[in-house]
Amino acid sequence: MSVNDRIQLARGDITRFEVDAIVNAANSTLLGGGGVDGAIHLAAGPGLLEECRTLGGCPPGEARITGAYALPATWVIHTVGPIWRGGTNGEDQTLASAYRSSLALAASVEARTVAFPSISTGIYGFPIDRAASISLTTIRNSLATHPTIETVTLVCFNDANHTAYATLLDKAS
């Protein structure tokens, strides 16, 4: 199976995906927030917040892992993407690092299936077309080095994100 065949695209609520690990687009405190982060914390229940309090936060571009509690996954991988500041402040590299770090953690716990939201494209303002290109390139490269990860599903909550990813995936097939 090629790397491209291991990447899927879906539209929906990431908190409902039955995968080994879901990725949370978190803020650096890991204590919950808005968007995907708030939805994941709400769906997981209070145990997630309790465990996140023990982690001491997470800098942009890195990732931390917790249990998934009431979510239909085994793990939550929390990663912090960059806030868009015009594209000349290392945002591309930080975003790529967030995806790379998340997949390395997934591989370390032998997760076979991983679901990602579109990191940094919500309130953090990262342009979706640019973010989609960086994420897909990074995921492809990471899957080549992590053969135990069978499937990565990109879960889009809105049409704009879904269209951006679908366009790039169609070009790659």
Protein backbone atom coordinates (compact mmCIF):
# COMPACT_ATOMS: atom_id res chain seq x y z
CA MET A 1 0.00 0.00 0.00
CA SER A 2 1.42 3.38 -1.00
CA VAL A 3 1.76 6.28 1.40
CA ASN A 4 -1.02 8.15 -0.42
CA ASP A 5 -3.35 5.16 0.04
CA ARG A 6 -2.80 5.44 3.80
CA ILE A 7 -4.24 8.99 3.92
CA GLN A 8 -8.01 9.46 4.04
CA LEU A 9 -10.21 12.52 4.09
CA ALA A 10 -13.44 12.82 6.06
CA ARG A 11 -15.90 15.53 6.99
CA GLY A 12 -17.28 15.51 10.53
CA ASP A 13 -16.70 15.73 14.24
CA ILE A 14 -13.30 14.32 15.22
CA THR A 15 -14.60 13.41 18.68
CA ARG A 16 -16.75 10.68 17.10
CA PHE A 17 -14.02 8.88 15.16
CA GLU A 18 -13.17 5.38 16.30
CA VAL A 19 -9.40 5.37 15.85
CA ASP A 20 -6.44 4.48 18.01
CA ALA A 21 -5.44 8.13 18.43
CA ILE A 22 -7.05 11.47 17.74
CA VAL A 23 -4.95 14.59 17.54
CA ASN A 24 -6.03 17.66 19.45
CA ALA A 25 -5.16 21.10 18.06
CA ALA A 26 -4.42 22.40 21.55
CA ASN A 27 -3.16 25.62 23.03
CA SER A 28 0.14 25.62 24.92
CA THR A 29 -1.50 25.14 28.33
CA LEU A 30 -3.23 21.90 27.21
CA LEU A 31 -6.07 22.86 29.55
CA GLY A 32 -8.80 23.22 26.97
CA GLY A 33 -9.98 26.10 24.86
CA GLY A 34 -12.24 26.75 21.91
CA GLY A 35 -12.78 24.94 18.63
CA VAL A 36 -11.44 21.40 18.32
CA ASP A 37 -9.66 21.65 21.66
CA GLY A 38 -12.85 22.55 23.53
CA ALA A 39 -14.86 19.88 21.73
CA ILE A 40 -12.31 17.18 22.59
CA HIS A 41 -12.15 18.19 26.25
CA LEU A 42 -15.94 18.30 26.48
CA ALA A 43 -16.41 14.89 24.83
CA ALA A 44 -13.58 13.23 26.79
CA GLY A 45 -14.86 14.34 30.18
CA PRO A 46 -13.06 15.71 33.25
CA GLY A 47 -10.40 13.00 33.37
CA LEU A 48 -8.70 14.50 30.32
CA LEU A 49 -8.30 17.89 31.97
CA GLU A 50 -6.99 16.25 35.14
CA GLU A 51 -4.33 14.36 33.17
CA CYS A 52 -3.44 17.41 31.08
CA ARG A 53 -2.79 19.38 34.29
CA THR A 54 0.06 16.95 35.06
CA LEU A 55 1.85 17.60 31.75
CA GLY A 56 3.04 21.16 32.32
CA GLY A 57 1.91 22.44 28.94
CA CYS A 58 3.44 22.01 25.51
CA PRO A 59 5.38 24.41 23.28
CA PRO A 60 4.33 25.04 19.67
CA GLY A 61 5.49 22.32 17.29
CA GLU A 62 5.65 19.62 19.95
CA ALA A 63 3.11 17.05 21.12
CA ARG A 64 2.04 15.27 24.32
CA ILE A 65 -0.11 12.17 24.77
CA THR A 66 -2.88 11.28 27.21
CA GLY A 67 -5.63 8.74 27.54
CA ALA A 68 -8.86 9.41 25.65
CA TYR A 69 -11.32 8.85 28.53
CA ALA A 70 -14.91 8.97 27.17
CA LEU A 71 -13.80 9.37 23.53
CA PRO A 72 -14.02 6.37 21.17
CA ALA A 73 -10.22 6.37 20.81
CA THR A 74 -7.43 5.03 22.99
CA TRP A 75 -5.17 8.08 22.95
CA VAL A 76 -5.38 11.85 22.54
CA ILE A 77 -2.26 13.41 21.10
CA HIS A 78 -2.18 17.10 21.95
CA THR A 79 -0.16 19.30 19.64
CA VAL A 80 0.26 23.03 19.51
CA GLY A 81 0.34 24.64 16.09
CA PRO A 82 1.62 28.10 15.30
CA ILE A 83 -0.36 31.30 15.40
CA TRP A 84 -0.22 32.86 11.92
CA ARG A 85 1.87 36.03 12.00
CA GLY A 86 2.28 36.61 8.27
CA GLY A 87 4.38 33.58 7.37
CA THR A 88 7.84 34.94 8.11
CA ASN A 89 8.12 33.83 11.73
CA GLY A 90 8.75 30.11 11.31
CA GLU A 91 5.06 29.21 11.09
CA ASP A 92 5.56 26.66 8.29
CA GLN A 93 8.30 24.83 10.19
CA THR A 94 6.32 24.86 13.44
CA LEU A 95 3.23 23.47 11.72
CA ALA A 96 5.24 20.69 10.07
CA SER A 97 6.83 19.89 13.42
CA ALA A 98 3.38 19.62 15.07
CA TYR A 99 2.32 16.97 12.54
CA ARG A 100 5.70 15.16 12.68
CA SER A 101 5.75 15.12 16.51
CA SER A 102 2.17 13.84 16.64
CA LEU A 103 2.88 10.96 14.28
CA ALA A 104 6.08 10.04 16.13
CA LEU A 105 4.07 9.82 19.38
CA ALA A 106 1.38 7.77 17.64
CA ALA A 107 4.01 5.33 16.40
CA SER A 108 5.59 5.14 19.86
CA VAL A 109 2.33 3.77 21.34
CA GLU A 110 1.76 1.54 18.30
CA ALA A 111 -1.32 3.43 17.12
CA ARG A 112 -2.37 2.03 13.75
CA THR A 113 -5.09 4.59 13.01
CA VAL A 114 -4.80 8.33 13.64
CA ALA A 115 -7.27 11.17 13.03
CA PHE A 116 -6.10 14.77 12.65
CA PRO A 117 -8.01 18.03 12.58
CA SER A 118 -6.69 20.87 10.41
CA ILE A 119 -4.15 22.28 12.86
CA SER A 120 -3.88 26.09 13.21
CA THR A 121 -6.46 26.92 10.53
CA GLY A 122 -9.17 28.04 12.94
CA ILE A 123 -8.65 30.83 15.43
CA TYR A 124 -4.85 30.68 14.89
CA GLY A 125 -5.48 31.99 11.35
CA PHE A 126 -3.09 29.82 9.29
CA PRO A 127 -4.19 30.02 5.62
CA ILE A 128 -5.90 26.72 4.79
CA ASP A 129 -4.31 26.09 1.38
CA ARG A 130 -0.84 26.58 2.79
CA ALA A 131 -1.61 24.52 5.91
CA ALA A 132 -3.08 21.67 3.85
CA SER A 133 0.01 21.50 1.65
CA ILE A 134 2.39 21.49 4.64
CA SER A 135 0.36 18.92 6.55
CA LEU A 136 0.03 16.50 3.62
CA THR A 137 3.73 16.71 2.78
CA THR A 138 4.67 16.15 6.41
CA ILE A 139 2.21 13.28 6.87
CA ARG A 140 3.47 11.55 3.71
CA ASN A 141 7.09 11.87 4.82
CA SER A 142 6.27 10.69 8.34
CA LEU A 143 4.28 7.68 7.13
CA ALA A 144 7.32 6.60 5.13
CA THR A 145 9.28 6.40 8.40
CA HIS A 146 6.44 5.00 10.53
CA PRO A 147 5.16 1.92 8.64
CA THR A 148 3.15 0.71 11.66
CA ILE A 149 0.70 3.59 11.20
CA GLU A 150 -1.79 2.14 8.73
CA THR A 151 -4.16 5.05 8.21
CA VAL A 152 -4.21 8.78 8.84
CA THR A 153 -7.63 10.39 8.50
CA LEU A 154 -7.81 14.14 8.01
CA VAL A 155 -11.07 15.19 9.62
CA CYS A 156 -12.44 18.48 8.33
CA PHE A 157 -15.15 20.30 10.23
CA ASN A 158 -16.03 22.74 7.45
CA ASP A 159 -16.33 22.79 3.66
CA ALA A 160 -13.40 25.15 3.06
CA ASN A 161 -10.95 22.84 4.80
CA HIS A 162 -12.40 19.74 3.15
CA THR A 163 -12.12 21.33 -0.31
CA ALA A 164 -8.51 22.41 0.26
CA TYR A 165 -7.44 18.91 1.31
CA ALA A 166 -9.52 17.16 -1.37
CA THR A 167 -7.93 19.27 -4.10
CA LEU A 168 -4.41 18.37 -2.98
CA LEU A 169 -5.24 14.69 -2.48
CA ASP A 170 -6.79 14.51 -5.97
CA LYS A 171 -3.61 16.00 -7.48
CA ALA A 172 -1.51 13.37 -5.70
CA SER A 173 -3.48 10.37 -6.96
